[in-house]
Amino acid sequence: MSKNNLALLAAFTATTIYALNHTIAKVVMPKFIEPLGFVQLRIIGAAILFWIVSFFITKEKIKINDFKKIFLATCIGMFINMIAYIKGLSLTTPINAGLISTLTPLFVLILSYIFLKESITTKKIMGISLGFFGAIILVIMGDNYTKNAPNPFFGNILLLINCLCYGSFLIVIKNLLAKYHFVNLVKWMFTIGIFLNLPFGYDQLMSVEWKKIPFDGFWRISFVVIGTTFFTYLLNIYALKRLTPTKVVIFAYMQPIIAIIYAVLSENDKLDLVKVISCIVILSGVYLVTQKTR
């Protein structure tokens, strides 16, 4: 298999893990662990795993000046991004999370136009507008308040912030990937992320009663820490090293399909008319954005 195809496979696998995570992580909070404590656990676990992997892969040193960009990428991708996602997911539904995640390519396109000077066409502008219109439908007309979704409106807003931050993270880190091994970069980002999130997640993490968590809770927590945090960052950044940010996030449009199927089959969410309409509108916008210009 060619390196380009491996990169595409990595991006697809990461998207699948993300889609399943919307439901798997939702069940864990706040039953077994509070959202901010979960973020802290994810970052600590991923940092340990990336440091272990780095001992077998690279011993390169990062220049002091580049730590400024690494710190910025960490603030966006391992601090604001994770807190917005986990907290937003705890307030809304898994299907909403899957639908809103498809807006990431639209944010990447806008940011690539602003910072990387990539061209933008009338068709793509229409796609961006359509995608955001679909998101507005979901945010305003989405689920009523329930026990599992205590504040879907605010939760959806936080998920939008998550998409913006993740798109920004891909733009910021792209240039660094040309200079350093991706494992070396990510291990430092997660290490810095531990200290950035510590004031917010420490108390919640320390309050977890581990002895009372059943196997169902442990495998879900392990999936989020190892799969959603370690492997998805590993896979996405590997893909990003060989593909453009726009190509990597195109796979995000598959998330709602996988997320909806898993959420409905596992009986952790239900599909309604608003979600169907939002899905059609958002995916139509993403389709226009991802079409190649002749």
C-alpha atoms as a PDB file:
ATOM      1  CA  MET A   1       0.000   0.000   0.000  1.00  0.00           C
ATOM      2  CA  SER A   2       1.315   3.455  -0.942  1.00  0.00           C
ATOM      3  CA  LYS A   3       2.058   6.084   1.706  1.00  0.00           C
ATOM      4  CA  ASN A   4      -0.776   8.233   0.335  1.00  0.00           C
ATOM      5  CA  ASN A   5      -3.279   5.383   0.696  1.00  0.00           C
ATOM      6  CA  LEU A   6      -1.988   4.657   4.200  1.00  0.00           C
ATOM      7  CA  ALA A   7      -2.584   8.302   5.087  1.00  0.00           C
ATOM      8  CA  LEU A   8      -6.151   8.086   3.736  1.00  0.00           C
ATOM      9  CA  LEU A   9      -6.734   4.876   5.716  1.00  0.00           C
ATOM     10  CA  ALA A  10      -5.400   6.551   8.864  1.00  0.00           C
ATOM     11  CA  ALA A  11      -7.776   9.510   8.423  1.00  0.00           C
ATOM     12  CA  PHE A  12     -10.733   7.170   7.835  1.00  0.00           C
ATOM     13  CA  THR A  13      -9.917   5.071  10.917  1.00  0.00           C
ATOM     14  CA  ALA A  14      -9.619   8.185  13.080  1.00  0.00           C
ATOM     15  CA  THR A  15     -13.019   9.390  11.843  1.00  0.00           C
ATOM     16  CA  THR A  16     -14.618   6.045  12.694  1.00  0.00           C
ATOM     17  CA  ILE A  17     -13.205   6.173  16.231  1.00  0.00           C
ATOM     18  CA  TYR A  18     -14.466   9.755  16.661  1.00  0.00           C
ATOM     19  CA  ALA A  19     -17.951   8.772  15.470  1.00  0.00           C
ATOM     20  CA  LEU A  20     -18.202   5.876  17.953  1.00  0.00           C
ATOM     21  CA  ASN A  21     -16.784   8.087  20.697  1.00  0.00           C
ATOM     22  CA  HIS A  22     -19.806  10.427  20.674  1.00  0.00           C
ATOM     23  CA  THR A  23     -21.926   7.663  22.204  1.00  0.00           C
ATOM     24  CA  ILE A  24     -19.262   5.785  24.174  1.00  0.00           C
ATOM     25  CA  ALA A  25     -17.999   8.913  25.994  1.00  0.00           C
ATOM     26  CA  LYS A  26     -21.534  10.229  26.519  1.00  0.00           C
ATOM     27  CA  VAL A  27     -22.506   7.160  28.579  1.00  0.00           C
ATOM     28  CA  VAL A  28     -19.522   7.688  30.913  1.00  0.00           C
ATOM     29  CA  MET A  29     -20.390  11.289  31.892  1.00  0.00           C
ATOM     30  CA  PRO A  30     -21.275  12.211  34.571  1.00  0.00           C
ATOM     31  CA  LYS A  31     -22.184   8.735  35.780  1.00  0.00           C
ATOM     32  CA  PHE A  32     -18.585   7.614  36.346  1.00  0.00           C
ATOM     33  CA  ILE A  33     -16.506  10.758  35.790  1.00  0.00           C
ATOM     34  CA  GLU A  34     -17.203  14.479  35.403  1.00  0.00           C
ATOM     35  CA  PRO A  35     -16.381  16.131  32.016  1.00  0.00           C
ATOM     36  CA  LEU A  36     -13.345  18.222  33.014  1.00  0.00           C
ATOM     37  CA  GLY A  37     -11.881  15.374  35.026  1.00  0.00           C
ATOM     38  CA  PHE A  38     -12.307  13.196  31.952  1.00  0.00           C
ATOM     39  CA  VAL A  39     -10.319  15.710  29.879  1.00  0.00           C
ATOM     40  CA  GLN A  40      -7.505  15.632  32.431  1.00  0.00           C
ATOM     41  CA  LEU A  41      -7.454  11.827  32.406  1.00  0.00           C
ATOM     42  CA  ARG A  42      -7.394  11.736  28.586  1.00  0.00           C
ATOM     43  CA  ILE A  43      -4.438  14.104  28.383  1.00  0.00           C
ATOM     44  CA  ILE A  44      -2.399  12.378  31.089  1.00  0.00           C
ATOM     45  CA  GLY A  45      -3.016   8.966  29.536  1.00  0.00           C
ATOM     46  CA  ALA A  46      -2.159  10.120  26.008  1.00  0.00           C
ATOM     47  CA  ALA A  47       0.984  11.959  27.195  1.00  0.00           C
ATOM     48  CA  ILE A  48       2.300   8.781  28.847  1.00  0.00           C
ATOM     49  CA  LEU A  49       1.586   6.694  25.730  1.00  0.00           C
ATOM     50  CA  PHE A  50       3.219   9.186  23.354  1.00  0.00           C
ATOM     51  CA  TRP A  51       6.335   9.451  25.531  1.00  0.00           C
ATOM     52  CA  ILE A  52       6.659   5.662  25.537  1.00  0.00           C
ATOM     53  CA  VAL A  53       6.286   5.506  21.731  1.00  0.00           C
ATOM     54  CA  SER A  54       8.772   8.360  21.223  1.00  0.00           C
ATOM     55  CA  PHE A  55      11.587   6.405  22.903  1.00  0.00           C
ATOM     56  CA  PHE A  56      11.407   3.895  20.051  1.00  0.00           C
ATOM     57  CA  ILE A  57      10.939   6.365  17.196  1.00  0.00           C
ATOM     58  CA  THR A  58      12.815   9.649  17.535  1.00  0.00           C
ATOM     59  CA  LYS A  59      15.398  11.465  19.627  1.00  0.00           C
ATOM     60  CA  GLU A  60      15.309  14.768  17.764  1.00  0.00           C
ATOM     61  CA  LYS A  61      15.356  18.036  19.691  1.00  0.00           C
ATOM     62  CA  ILE A  62      12.902  20.840  19.126  1.00  0.00           C
ATOM     63  CA  LYS A  63      14.209  24.387  18.755  1.00  0.00           C
ATOM     64  CA  ILE A  64      13.255  26.771  21.564  1.00  0.00           C
ATOM     65  CA  ASN A  65      11.568  29.217  19.165  1.00  0.00           C
ATOM     66  CA  ASP A  66       9.251  26.510  17.847  1.00  0.00           C
ATOM     67  CA  PHE A  67       7.844  25.872  21.322  1.00  0.00           C
ATOM     68  CA  LYS A  68       5.833  29.084  20.874  1.00  0.00           C
ATOM     69  CA  LYS A  69       3.881  27.468  18.011  1.00  0.00           C
ATOM     70  CA  ILE A  70       3.664  24.199  19.943  1.00  0.00           C
ATOM     71  CA  PHE A  71       2.207  26.063  22.927  1.00  0.00           C
ATOM     72  CA  LEU A  72      -0.339  27.782  20.646  1.00  0.00           C
ATOM     73  CA  ALA A  73      -1.290  24.447  19.056  1.00  0.00           C
ATOM     74  CA  THR A  74      -1.658  22.923  22.537  1.00  0.00           C
ATOM     75  CA  CYS A  75      -3.934  25.729  23.741  1.00  0.00           C
ATOM     76  CA  ILE A  76      -6.163  25.214  20.710  1.00  0.00           C
ATOM     77  CA  GLY A  77      -6.014  21.448  20.253  1.00  0.00           C
ATOM     78  CA  MET A  78      -5.476  19.994  23.733  1.00  0.00           C
ATOM     79  CA  PHE A  79      -7.089  22.612  25.968  1.00  0.00           C
ATOM     80  CA  ILE A  80      -9.995  24.640  24.533  1.00  0.00           C
ATOM     81  CA  ASN A  81     -10.806  21.974  21.947  1.00  0.00           C
ATOM     82  CA  MET A  82     -11.064  19.067  24.410  1.00  0.00           C
ATOM     83  CA  ILE A  83     -12.903  20.990  27.107  1.00  0.00           C
ATOM     84  CA  ALA A  84     -15.440  22.326  24.582  1.00  0.00           C
ATOM     85  CA  TYR A  85     -16.025  18.852  23.133  1.00  0.00           C
ATOM     86  CA  ILE A  86     -16.355  16.896  26.381  1.00  0.00           C
ATOM     87  CA  LYS A  87     -18.452  19.531  28.132  1.00  0.00           C
ATOM     88  CA  GLY A  88     -20.602  20.027  25.037  1.00  0.00           C
ATOM     89  CA  LEU A  89     -21.149  16.283  24.641  1.00  0.00           C
ATOM     90  CA  SER A  90     -22.224  16.008  28.285  1.00  0.00           C
ATOM     91  CA  LEU A  91     -24.946  18.621  27.633  1.00  0.00           C
ATOM     92  CA  THR A  92     -26.293  17.456  24.266  1.00  0.00           C
ATOM     93  CA  THR A  93     -26.833  14.181  22.368  1.00  0.00           C
ATOM     94  CA  PRO A  94     -24.395  11.856  20.524  1.00  0.00           C
ATOM     95  CA  ILE A  95     -26.163  12.378  17.176  1.00  0.00           C
ATOM     96  CA  ASN A  96     -25.940  16.163  17.558  1.00  0.00           C
ATOM     97  CA  ALA A  97     -22.208  15.781  18.205  1.00  0.00           C
ATOM     98  CA  GLY A  98     -21.813  13.653  15.087  1.00  0.00           C
ATOM     99  CA  LEU A  99     -23.711  16.128  12.916  1.00  0.00           C
ATOM    100  CA  ILE A 100     -21.883  19.213  14.162  1.00  0.00           C
ATOM    101  CA  SER A 101     -18.497  17.515  13.676  1.00  0.00           C
ATOM    102  CA  THR A 102     -19.087  17.663   9.910  1.00  0.00           C
ATOM    103  CA  LEU A 103     -18.623  21.428  10.061  1.00  0.00           C
ATOM    104  CA  THR A 104     -14.877  21.003  10.677  1.00  0.00           C
ATOM    105  CA  PRO A 105     -14.045  20.956   6.916  1.00  0.00           C
ATOM    106  CA  LEU A 106     -15.881  24.262   6.516  1.00  0.00           C
ATOM    107  CA  PHE A 107     -13.827  25.869   9.282  1.00  0.00           C
ATOM    108  CA  VAL A 108     -10.615  24.451   7.785  1.00  0.00           C
ATOM    109  CA  LEU A 109     -11.503  25.884   4.380  1.00  0.00           C
ATOM    110  CA  ILE A 110     -12.122  29.344   5.837  1.00  0.00           C
ATOM    111  CA  LEU A 111      -8.929  29.269   7.908  1.00  0.00           C
ATOM    112  CA  SER A 112      -6.892  27.918   4.973  1.00  0.00           C
ATOM    113  CA  TYR A 113      -8.163  30.811   2.864  1.00  0.00           C
ATOM    114  CA  ILE A 114      -7.227  33.348   5.550  1.00  0.00           C
ATOM    115  CA  PHE A 115      -3.867  31.985   6.712  1.00  0.00           C
ATOM    116  CA  LEU A 116      -2.610  29.649   3.957  1.00  0.00           C
ATOM    117  CA  LYS A 117      -3.957  31.763   1.073  1.00  0.00           C
ATOM    118  CA  GLU A 118      -5.774  28.804  -0.486  1.00  0.00           C
ATOM    119  CA  SER A 119      -8.285  29.785  -3.173  1.00  0.00           C
ATOM    120  CA  ILE A 120     -12.000  29.820  -2.469  1.00  0.00           C
ATOM    121  CA  THR A 121     -14.767  29.659  -5.083  1.00  0.00           C
ATOM    122  CA  THR A 122     -18.378  30.805  -5.205  1.00  0.00           C
ATOM    123  CA  LYS A 123     -19.489  27.165  -4.933  1.00  0.00           C
ATOM    124  CA  LYS A 124     -17.459  26.723  -1.747  1.00  0.00           C
ATOM    125  CA  ILE A 125     -18.872  29.937  -0.275  1.00  0.00           C
ATOM    126  CA  MET A 126     -22.356  28.533  -0.952  1.00  0.00           C
ATOM    127  CA  GLY A 127     -21.312  25.277   0.711  1.00  0.00           C
ATOM    128  CA  ILE A 128     -20.037  27.084   3.795  1.00  0.00           C
ATOM    129  CA  SER A 129     -23.267  29.081   4.072  1.00  0.00           C
ATOM    130  CA  LEU A 130     -25.391  25.966   3.645  1.00  0.00           C
ATOM    131  CA  GLY A 131     -23.390  24.028   6.233  1.00  0.00           C
ATOM    132  CA  PHE A 132     -23.705  26.738   8.840  1.00  0.00           C
ATOM    133  CA  PHE A 133     -27.429  27.082   8.105  1.00  0.00           C
ATOM    134  CA  GLY A 134     -27.811  23.383   8.880  1.00  0.00           C
ATOM    135  CA  ALA A 135     -25.934  23.881  12.139  1.00  0.00           C
ATOM    136  CA  ILE A 136     -28.202  26.791  13.080  1.00  0.00           C
ATOM    137  CA  ILE A 137     -31.260  24.584  12.500  1.00  0.00           C
ATOM    138  CA  LEU A 138     -29.793  21.946  14.811  1.00  0.00           C
ATOM    139  CA  VAL A 139     -28.761  24.425  17.520  1.00  0.00           C
ATOM    140  CA  ILE A 140     -32.049  26.332  17.613  1.00  0.00           C
ATOM    141  CA  MET A 141     -34.581  23.577  16.903  1.00  0.00           C
ATOM    142  CA  GLY A 142     -32.702  20.586  18.388  1.00  0.00           C
ATOM    143  CA  ASP A 143     -33.672  18.267  21.208  1.00  0.00           C
ATOM    144  CA  ASN A 144     -35.714  19.380  24.164  1.00  0.00           C
ATOM    145  CA  TYR A 145     -34.036  19.290  27.530  1.00  0.00           C
ATOM    146  CA  THR A 146     -33.792  15.721  28.861  1.00  0.00           C
ATOM    147  CA  LYS A 147     -31.875  13.896  31.563  1.00  0.00           C
ATOM    148  CA  ASN A 148     -29.224  12.787  29.052  1.00  0.00           C
ATOM    149  CA  ALA A 149     -29.134  16.177  27.319  1.00  0.00           C
ATOM    150  CA  PRO A 150     -29.675  18.777  30.076  1.00  0.00           C
ATOM    151  CA  ASN A 151     -28.751  21.772  27.895  1.00  0.00           C
ATOM    152  CA  PRO A 152     -28.567  20.863  24.179  1.00  0.00           C
ATOM    153  CA  PHE A 153     -28.469  24.498  23.011  1.00  0.00           C
ATOM    154  CA  PHE A 154     -25.332  25.371  24.993  1.00  0.00           C
ATOM    155  CA  GLY A 155     -23.879  21.916  24.321  1.00  0.00           C
ATOM    156  CA  ASN A 156     -24.249  22.434  20.566  1.00  0.00           C
ATOM    157  CA  ILE A 157     -22.556  25.841  20.822  1.00  0.00           C
ATOM    158  CA  LEU A 158     -19.599  24.251  22.627  1.00  0.00           C
ATOM    159  CA  LEU A 159     -19.368  21.582  19.918  1.00  0.00           C
ATOM    160  CA  LEU A 160     -19.198  24.336  17.291  1.00  0.00           C
ATOM    161  CA  ILE A 161     -16.292  25.876  19.233  1.00  0.00           C
ATOM    162  CA  ASN A 162     -14.687  22.415  19.295  1.00  0.00           C
ATOM    163  CA  CYS A 163     -14.875  22.192  15.482  1.00  0.00           C
ATOM    164  CA  LEU A 164     -13.377  25.659  15.070  1.00  0.00           C
ATOM    165  CA  CYS A 165     -10.526  24.850  17.449  1.00  0.00           C
ATOM    166  CA  TYR A 166      -9.748  21.508  15.814  1.00  0.00           C
ATOM    167  CA  GLY A 167      -9.688  23.137  12.388  1.00  0.00           C
ATOM    168  CA  SER A 168      -7.347  25.822  13.720  1.00  0.00           C
ATOM    169  CA  PHE A 169      -5.148  23.140  15.306  1.00  0.00           C
ATOM    170  CA  LEU A 170      -4.669  21.423  11.925  1.00  0.00           C
ATOM    171  CA  ILE A 171      -3.651  24.718  10.309  1.00  0.00           C
ATOM    172  CA  VAL A 172      -1.178  25.672  13.063  1.00  0.00           C
ATOM    173  CA  ILE A 173       0.526  22.280  13.246  1.00  0.00           C
ATOM    174  CA  LYS A 174       0.868  21.773   9.472  1.00  0.00           C
ATOM    175  CA  ASN A 175       4.124  23.769   9.179  1.00  0.00           C
ATOM    176  CA  LEU A 176       5.626  22.130  12.267  1.00  0.00           C
ATOM    177  CA  LEU A 177       5.112  18.706  10.722  1.00  0.00           C
ATOM    178  CA  ALA A 178       7.520  19.634   7.944  1.00  0.00           C
ATOM    179  CA  LYS A 179      10.281  20.093  10.534  1.00  0.00           C
ATOM    180  CA  TYR A 180       9.689  17.444  13.202  1.00  0.00           C
ATOM    181  CA  HIS A 181       8.436  13.899  13.662  1.00  0.00           C
ATOM    182  CA  PHE A 182       4.726  13.971  14.501  1.00  0.00           C
ATOM    183  CA  VAL A 183       5.146  11.741  17.587  1.00  0.00           C
ATOM    184  CA  ASN A 184       7.742  14.139  18.985  1.00  0.00           C
ATOM    185  CA  LEU A 185       5.389  17.093  18.492  1.00  0.00           C
ATOM    186  CA  VAL A 186       2.344  15.463  20.018  1.00  0.00           C
ATOM    187  CA  LYS A 187       4.148  14.167  23.110  1.00  0.00           C
ATOM    188  CA  TRP A 188       5.149  17.748  23.964  1.00  0.00           C
ATOM    189  CA  MET A 189       1.668  19.066  23.245  1.00  0.00           C
ATOM    190  CA  PHE A 190       0.022  16.586  25.586  1.00  0.00           C
ATOM    191  CA  THR A 191       2.674  17.229  28.237  1.00  0.00           C
ATOM    192  CA  ILE A 192       1.973  20.966  28.116  1.00  0.00           C
ATOM    193  CA  GLY A 193      -1.745  20.175  28.020  1.00  0.00           C
ATOM    194  CA  ILE A 194      -1.525  18.402  31.390  1.00  0.00           C
ATOM    195  CA  PHE A 195      -0.546  21.658  33.103  1.00  0.00           C
ATOM    196  CA  LEU A 196      -2.993  23.834  31.134  1.00  0.00           C
ATOM    197  CA  ASN A 197      -5.947  21.649  32.121  1.00  0.00           C
ATOM    198  CA  LEU A 198      -4.793  20.925  35.676  1.00  0.00           C
ATOM    199  CA  PRO A 199      -6.575  23.878  37.365  1.00  0.00           C
ATOM    200  CA  PHE A 200      -9.876  22.824  35.764  1.00  0.00           C
ATOM    201  CA  GLY A 201      -9.806  19.035  35.857  1.00  0.00           C
ATOM    202  CA  TYR A 202      -7.766  18.098  38.924  1.00  0.00           C
ATOM    203  CA  ASP A 203     -10.562  18.164  41.512  1.00  0.00           C
ATOM    204  CA  GLN A 204     -12.998  16.232  39.300  1.00  0.00           C
ATOM    205  CA  LEU A 205     -10.373  13.597  38.490  1.00  0.00           C
ATOM    206  CA  MET A 206      -9.461  13.152  42.149  1.00  0.00           C
ATOM    207  CA  SER A 207     -13.128  12.727  43.090  1.00  0.00           C
ATOM    208  CA  VAL A 208     -13.596   9.658  40.858  1.00  0.00           C
ATOM    209  CA  GLU A 209     -14.496   6.540  42.857  1.00  0.00           C
ATOM    210  CA  TRP A 210     -12.588   3.986  40.776  1.00  0.00           C
ATOM    211  CA  LYS A 211     -13.591   0.972  42.900  1.00  0.00           C
ATOM    212  CA  LYS A 212     -17.270   1.606  42.163  1.00  0.00           C
ATOM    213  CA  ILE A 213     -16.846   1.749  38.372  1.00  0.00           C
ATOM    214  CA  PRO A 214     -18.035  -1.501  36.689  1.00  0.00           C
ATOM    215  CA  PHE A 215     -16.382  -3.125  33.666  1.00  0.00           C
ATOM    216  CA  ASP A 216     -18.796  -1.310  31.325  1.00  0.00           C
ATOM    217  CA  GLY A 217     -17.450   2.001  32.612  1.00  0.00           C
ATOM    218  CA  PHE A 218     -13.801   0.955  32.470  1.00  0.00           C
ATOM    219  CA  TRP A 219     -13.828  -0.200  28.848  1.00  0.00           C
ATOM    220  CA  ARG A 220     -15.563   3.004  27.789  1.00  0.00           C
ATOM    221  CA  ILE A 221     -13.067   5.177  29.663  1.00  0.00           C
ATOM    222  CA  SER A 222     -10.186   3.137  28.200  1.00  0.00           C
ATOM    223  CA  PHE A 223     -11.629   3.531  24.690  1.00  0.00           C
ATOM    224  CA  VAL A 224     -11.745   7.321  25.062  1.00  0.00           C
ATOM    225  CA  VAL A 225      -8.228   7.617  26.549  1.00  0.00           C
ATOM    226  CA  ILE A 226      -6.462   5.100  24.290  1.00  0.00           C
ATOM    227  CA  GLY A 227      -8.607   5.136  21.164  1.00  0.00           C
ATOM    228  CA  THR A 228     -10.122   8.595  20.893  1.00  0.00           C
ATOM    229  CA  THR A 229      -7.184  10.500  22.365  1.00  0.00           C
ATOM    230  CA  PHE A 230      -4.005   8.528  21.620  1.00  0.00           C
ATOM    231  CA  PHE A 231      -4.813   6.741  18.361  1.00  0.00           C
ATOM    232  CA  THR A 232      -6.895   9.484  16.713  1.00  0.00           C
ATOM    233  CA  TYR A 233      -4.232  12.149  17.233  1.00  0.00           C
ATOM    234  CA  LEU A 234      -1.593   9.650  16.086  1.00  0.00           C
ATOM    235  CA  LEU A 235      -3.566   8.707  12.981  1.00  0.00           C
ATOM    236  CA  ASN A 236      -4.743  12.206  12.055  1.00  0.00           C
ATOM    237  CA  ILE A 237      -1.313  13.785  12.395  1.00  0.00           C
ATOM    238  CA  TYR A 238       0.242  10.909  10.439  1.00  0.00           C
ATOM    239  CA  ALA A 239      -2.320  11.607   7.692  1.00  0.00           C
ATOM    240  CA  LEU A 240      -1.738  15.352   7.919  1.00  0.00           C
ATOM    241  CA  LYS A 241       1.990  14.850   7.302  1.00  0.00           C
ATOM    242  CA  ARG A 242       1.151  13.483   3.829  1.00  0.00           C
ATOM    243  CA  LEU A 243      -2.150  15.173   3.029  1.00  0.00           C
ATOM    244  CA  THR A 244      -3.472  18.739   3.151  1.00  0.00           C
ATOM    245  CA  PRO A 245      -5.635  19.803   6.128  1.00  0.00           C
ATOM    246  CA  THR A 246      -8.657  20.017   3.817  1.00  0.00           C
ATOM    247  CA  LYS A 247      -8.250  16.406   2.655  1.00  0.00           C
ATOM    248  CA  VAL A 248      -7.829  15.120   6.212  1.00  0.00           C
ATOM    249  CA  VAL A 249     -11.014  16.715   7.524  1.00  0.00           C
ATOM    250  CA  ILE A 250     -13.103  15.707   4.487  1.00  0.00           C
ATOM    251  CA  PHE A 251     -13.541  12.375   6.302  1.00  0.00           C
ATOM    252  CA  ALA A 252     -15.492  14.248   8.989  1.00  0.00           C
ATOM    253  CA  TYR A 253     -18.611  14.128   6.791  1.00  0.00           C
ATOM    254  CA  MET A 254     -18.775  10.359   7.437  1.00  0.00           C
ATOM    255  CA  GLN A 255     -19.056  10.870  11.206  1.00  0.00           C
ATOM    256  CA  PRO A 256     -22.804  11.530  11.420  1.00  0.00           C
ATOM    257  CA  ILE A 257     -23.601   8.384   9.430  1.00  0.00           C
ATOM    258  CA  ILE A 258     -21.516   6.148  11.714  1.00  0.00           C
ATOM    259  CA  ALA A 259     -22.541   8.073  14.840  1.00  0.00           C
ATOM    260  CA  ILE A 260     -26.260   7.851  14.046  1.00  0.00           C
ATOM    261  CA  ILE A 261     -26.139   4.112  13.310  1.00  0.00           C
ATOM    262  CA  TYR A 262     -24.228   3.305  16.505  1.00  0.00           C
ATOM    263  CA  ALA A 263     -26.231   5.675  18.739  1.00  0.00           C
ATOM    264  CA  VAL A 264     -29.570   4.323  17.521  1.00  0.00           C
ATOM    265  CA  LEU A 265     -28.530   0.635  17.608  1.00  0.00           C
ATOM    266  CA  SER A 266     -27.129   1.026  21.136  1.00  0.00           C
ATOM    267  CA  GLU A 267     -30.331   2.882  22.154  1.00  0.00           C
ATOM    268  CA  ASN A 268     -28.394   5.894  23.445  1.00  0.00           C
ATOM    269  CA  ASP A 269     -30.091   8.386  21.127  1.00  0.00           C
ATOM    270  CA  LYS A 270     -32.939   8.637  18.633  1.00  0.00           C
ATOM    271  CA  LEU A 271     -33.316  10.123  15.189  1.00  0.00           C
ATOM    272  CA  ASP A 272     -35.935  12.809  14.639  1.00  0.00           C
ATOM    273  CA  LEU A 273     -37.011  15.118  11.800  1.00  0.00           C
ATOM    274  CA  VAL A 274     -34.864  18.070  12.894  1.00  0.00           C
ATOM    275  CA  LYS A 275     -31.731  15.903  12.929  1.00  0.00           C
ATOM    276  CA  VAL A 276     -32.547  14.440   9.515  1.00  0.00           C
ATOM    277  CA  ILE A 277     -33.083  17.900   7.976  1.00  0.00           C
ATOM    278  CA  SER A 278     -29.920  19.262   9.613  1.00  0.00           C
ATOM    279  CA  CYS A 279     -27.933  16.268   8.391  1.00  0.00           C
ATOM    280  CA  ILE A 280     -29.104  16.746   4.781  1.00  0.00           C
ATOM    281  CA  VAL A 281     -28.404  20.497   4.813  1.00  0.00           C
ATOM    282  CA  ILE A 282     -24.969  20.186   6.471  1.00  0.00           C
ATOM    283  CA  LEU A 283     -23.809  17.327   4.234  1.00  0.00           C
ATOM    284  CA  SER A 284     -25.013  19.221   1.154  1.00  0.00           C
ATOM    285  CA  GLY A 285     -22.847  22.150   2.230  1.00  0.00           C
ATOM    286  CA  VAL A 286     -19.844  19.908   2.852  1.00  0.00           C
ATOM    287  CA  TYR A 287     -20.378  18.292  -0.578  1.00  0.00           C
ATOM    288  CA  LEU A 288     -20.161  21.684  -2.302  1.00  0.00           C
ATOM    289  CA  VAL A 289     -17.061  22.621  -0.293  1.00  0.00           C
ATOM    290  CA  THR A 290     -15.209  19.414  -1.109  1.00  0.00           C
ATOM    291  CA  GLN A 291     -15.858  19.486  -4.849  1.00  0.00           C
ATOM    292  CA  LYS A 292     -12.712  20.023  -6.917  1.00  0.00           C
ATOM    293  CA  THR A 293     -12.482  23.147  -9.053  1.00  0.00           C
ATOM    294  CA  ARG A 294     -11.939  22.520 -12.752  1.00  0.00           C
END
